[in-house]
């Protein structure tokens, strides 16, 4: 059964760092492009960053460019989001998404990130 599980969220002070992980089970990640999205209370889900199947191409939302880094370890079947210099406006539930093409897209259950002093 295909499953994505995020972890690594938590409470952090402004300026701090967190590293999110998204582990896949039931299928190999290396065939797929992946992305991180986030959704703050009362707001629509927005894209944060994406990475190609081989990891050579990445993109970032303007709001996180220079602070967040997406990466993947296909051997560990995991994608990561390193988040540095966190701001209160980064507070949201973070989701990973797999672009499955004809088989459809898949989402994880999300992990809460709260940036507050």
C-alpha atoms as a PDB file:
ATOM      1  CA  UNK A   1       0.000   0.000   0.000  1.00  0.00           C
ATOM      2  CA  UNK A   2       1.383   3.347  -1.060  1.00  0.00           C
ATOM      3  CA  UNK A   3       1.938   5.718   1.874  1.00  0.00           C
ATOM      4  CA  UNK A   4       3.751   8.986   2.563  1.00  0.00           C
ATOM      5  CA  UNK A   5       4.548   9.888   6.162  1.00  0.00           C
ATOM      6  CA  UNK A   6       5.872  13.300   7.167  1.00  0.00           C
ATOM      7  CA  UNK A   7       7.816  13.965  10.360  1.00  0.00           C
ATOM      8  CA  UNK A   8      10.073  16.570  11.904  1.00  0.00           C
ATOM      9  CA  UNK A   9       7.595  19.327  12.631  1.00  0.00           C
ATOM     10  CA  UNK A  10       7.380  21.102  15.948  1.00  0.00           C
ATOM     11  CA  UNK A  11       7.585  24.382  17.797  1.00  0.00           C
ATOM     12  CA  UNK A  12      10.582  26.592  17.060  1.00  0.00           C
ATOM     13  CA  UNK A  13      11.518  30.180  17.816  1.00  0.00           C
ATOM     14  CA  UNK A  14      11.879  32.740  15.036  1.00  0.00           C
ATOM     15  CA  UNK A  15      15.254  32.369  13.405  1.00  0.00           C
ATOM     16  CA  UNK A  16      15.413  28.694  14.234  1.00  0.00           C
ATOM     17  CA  UNK A  17      15.616  25.655  11.996  1.00  0.00           C
ATOM     18  CA  UNK A  18      13.728  22.446  11.387  1.00  0.00           C
ATOM     19  CA  UNK A  19      14.221  19.551   9.026  1.00  0.00           C
ATOM     20  CA  UNK A  20      11.118  17.840   7.709  1.00  0.00           C
ATOM     21  CA  UNK A  21      11.188  14.325   6.332  1.00  0.00           C
ATOM     22  CA  UNK A  22       8.725  12.516   4.103  1.00  0.00           C
ATOM     23  CA  UNK A  23       9.221   8.773   4.001  1.00  0.00           C
ATOM     24  CA  UNK A  24       7.546   6.626   1.391  1.00  0.00           C
ATOM     25  CA  UNK A  25       6.488   3.031   1.749  1.00  0.00           C
ATOM     26  CA  UNK A  26       4.982   0.612  -0.699  1.00  0.00           C
ATOM     27  CA  UNK A  27       6.728   1.998  -3.768  1.00  0.00           C
ATOM     28  CA  UNK A  28      10.098   3.452  -4.856  1.00  0.00           C
ATOM     29  CA  UNK A  29      10.311   7.239  -4.845  1.00  0.00           C
ATOM     30  CA  UNK A  30      12.957   7.500  -7.520  1.00  0.00           C
ATOM     31  CA  UNK A  31      10.448   7.368 -10.371  1.00  0.00           C
ATOM     32  CA  UNK A  32       8.568  10.461  -9.220  1.00  0.00           C
ATOM     33  CA  UNK A  33       8.764  14.200  -8.843  1.00  0.00           C
ATOM     34  CA  UNK A  34       7.935  15.377  -5.329  1.00  0.00           C
ATOM     35  CA  UNK A  35       6.937  18.587  -3.625  1.00  0.00           C
ATOM     36  CA  UNK A  36       6.289  20.190  -0.266  1.00  0.00           C
ATOM     37  CA  UNK A  37       3.132  22.222   0.298  1.00  0.00           C
ATOM     38  CA  UNK A  38       1.870  24.025   3.360  1.00  0.00           C
ATOM     39  CA  UNK A  39      -1.453  25.256   4.642  1.00  0.00           C
ATOM     40  CA  UNK A  40      -1.884  27.879   7.319  1.00  0.00           C
ATOM     41  CA  UNK A  41      -5.174  28.249   9.232  1.00  0.00           C
ATOM     42  CA  UNK A  42      -7.810  29.892   7.100  1.00  0.00           C
ATOM     43  CA  UNK A  43      -5.619  29.895   4.019  1.00  0.00           C
ATOM     44  CA  UNK A  44      -5.364  27.798   0.902  1.00  0.00           C
ATOM     45  CA  UNK A  45      -2.689  25.170   0.522  1.00  0.00           C
ATOM     46  CA  UNK A  46       0.343  26.593  -1.253  1.00  0.00           C
ATOM     47  CA  UNK A  47       3.378  25.108  -2.905  1.00  0.00           C
ATOM     48  CA  UNK A  48       6.669  25.561  -1.086  1.00  0.00           C
ATOM     49  CA  UNK A  49       9.206  23.628  -3.087  1.00  0.00           C
ATOM     50  CA  UNK A  50       9.535  20.801  -5.589  1.00  0.00           C
ATOM     51  CA  UNK A  51      12.253  18.449  -6.744  1.00  0.00           C
ATOM     52  CA  UNK A  52      12.658  16.317  -9.830  1.00  0.00           C
ATOM     53  CA  UNK A  53      12.944  12.557  -9.671  1.00  0.00           C
ATOM     54  CA  UNK A  54      16.720  12.618  -9.979  1.00  0.00           C
ATOM     55  CA  UNK A  55      17.117  15.571  -7.669  1.00  0.00           C
ATOM     56  CA  UNK A  56      18.869  17.790 -10.198  1.00  0.00           C
ATOM     57  CA  UNK A  57      16.050  20.303 -10.570  1.00  0.00           C
ATOM     58  CA  UNK A  58      14.482  22.193  -7.685  1.00  0.00           C
ATOM     59  CA  UNK A  59      12.149  25.154  -7.362  1.00  0.00           C
ATOM     60  CA  UNK A  60      11.070  27.323  -4.456  1.00  0.00           C
ATOM     61  CA  UNK A  61       8.324  29.751  -3.633  1.00  0.00           C
ATOM     62  CA  UNK A  62       9.590  33.321  -3.419  1.00  0.00           C
ATOM     63  CA  UNK A  63       8.658  33.421   0.258  1.00  0.00           C
ATOM     64  CA  UNK A  64      11.121  30.632   1.154  1.00  0.00           C
ATOM     65  CA  UNK A  65      13.849  31.097  -1.450  1.00  0.00           C
ATOM     66  CA  UNK A  66      17.245  31.213   0.235  1.00  0.00           C
ATOM     67  CA  UNK A  67      15.935  29.845   3.528  1.00  0.00           C
ATOM     68  CA  UNK A  68      14.551  26.409   2.629  1.00  0.00           C
ATOM     69  CA  UNK A  69      16.306  23.561   0.845  1.00  0.00           C
ATOM     70  CA  UNK A  70      14.599  20.526  -0.629  1.00  0.00           C
ATOM     71  CA  UNK A  71      16.530  17.310  -1.124  1.00  0.00           C
ATOM     72  CA  UNK A  72      15.917  13.633  -1.571  1.00  0.00           C
ATOM     73  CA  UNK A  73      17.637  10.363  -0.797  1.00  0.00           C
ATOM     74  CA  UNK A  74      16.195   7.794  -3.149  1.00  0.00           C
ATOM     75  CA  UNK A  75      18.132   5.026  -1.436  1.00  0.00           C
ATOM     76  CA  UNK A  76      16.270   5.861   1.777  1.00  0.00           C
ATOM     77  CA  UNK A  77      13.033   6.526  -0.103  1.00  0.00           C
ATOM     78  CA  UNK A  78      12.791   9.896   1.624  1.00  0.00           C
ATOM     79  CA  UNK A  79      12.485  13.542   0.680  1.00  0.00           C
ATOM     80  CA  UNK A  80      13.551  16.333   3.020  1.00  0.00           C
ATOM     81  CA  UNK A  81      12.872  20.010   3.581  1.00  0.00           C
ATOM     82  CA  UNK A  82      15.545  21.871   5.514  1.00  0.00           C
ATOM     83  CA  UNK A  83      14.046  25.071   6.863  1.00  0.00           C
ATOM     84  CA  UNK A  84      16.352  27.774   8.216  1.00  0.00           C
ATOM     85  CA  UNK A  85      15.733  31.265   9.545  1.00  0.00           C
ATOM     86  CA  UNK A  86      12.124  30.396  10.212  1.00  0.00           C
ATOM     87  CA  UNK A  87       9.575  33.178  10.527  1.00  0.00           C
ATOM     88  CA  UNK A  88       6.170  33.273  12.221  1.00  0.00           C
ATOM     89  CA  UNK A  89       4.548  33.371   8.781  1.00  0.00           C
ATOM     90  CA  UNK A  90       6.034  29.940   8.076  1.00  0.00           C
ATOM     91  CA  UNK A  91       3.625  28.486  10.636  1.00  0.00           C
ATOM     92  CA  UNK A  92       1.483  25.898   8.855  1.00  0.00           C
ATOM     93  CA  UNK A  93       0.836  22.237   8.350  1.00  0.00           C
ATOM     94  CA  UNK A  94       3.398  20.948   5.870  1.00  0.00           C
ATOM     95  CA  UNK A  95       2.526  18.202   3.420  1.00  0.00           C
ATOM     96  CA  UNK A  96       4.557  16.237   0.931  1.00  0.00           C
ATOM     97  CA  UNK A  97       3.073  15.361  -2.416  1.00  0.00           C
ATOM     98  CA  UNK A  98       4.036  12.767  -4.964  1.00  0.00           C
ATOM     99  CA  UNK A  99       3.186  13.417  -8.597  1.00  0.00           C
ATOM    100  CA  UNK A 100       2.106  10.026  -9.787  1.00  0.00           C
ATOM    101  CA  UNK A 101       1.120  10.863 -13.357  1.00  0.00           C
ATOM    102  CA  UNK A 102      -1.504   8.484 -14.672  1.00  0.00           C
ATOM    103  CA  UNK A 103      -1.637   6.665 -11.340  1.00  0.00           C
ATOM    104  CA  UNK A 104      -2.647   9.875  -9.601  1.00  0.00           C
ATOM    105  CA  UNK A 105      -1.072  12.096  -6.975  1.00  0.00           C
ATOM    106  CA  UNK A 106      -0.516  11.161  -3.349  1.00  0.00           C
ATOM    107  CA  UNK A 107      -0.369  13.243  -0.187  1.00  0.00           C
ATOM    108  CA  UNK A 108       1.016  12.627   3.253  1.00  0.00           C
ATOM    109  CA  UNK A 109      -0.970  13.357   6.397  1.00  0.00           C
ATOM    110  CA  UNK A 110       0.985  16.504   7.216  1.00  0.00           C
ATOM    111  CA  UNK A 111       3.212  17.714  10.034  1.00  0.00           C
ATOM    112  CA  UNK A 112       2.640  20.878  12.061  1.00  0.00           C
ATOM    113  CA  UNK A 113       5.287  23.588  12.101  1.00  0.00           C
ATOM    114  CA  UNK A 114       4.810  26.434  14.556  1.00  0.00           C
ATOM    115  CA  UNK A 115       7.191  29.384  14.676  1.00  0.00           C
ATOM    116  CA  UNK A 116       6.661  31.451  17.779  1.00  0.00           C
ATOM    117  CA  UNK A 117       8.563  33.056  20.601  1.00  0.00           C
END
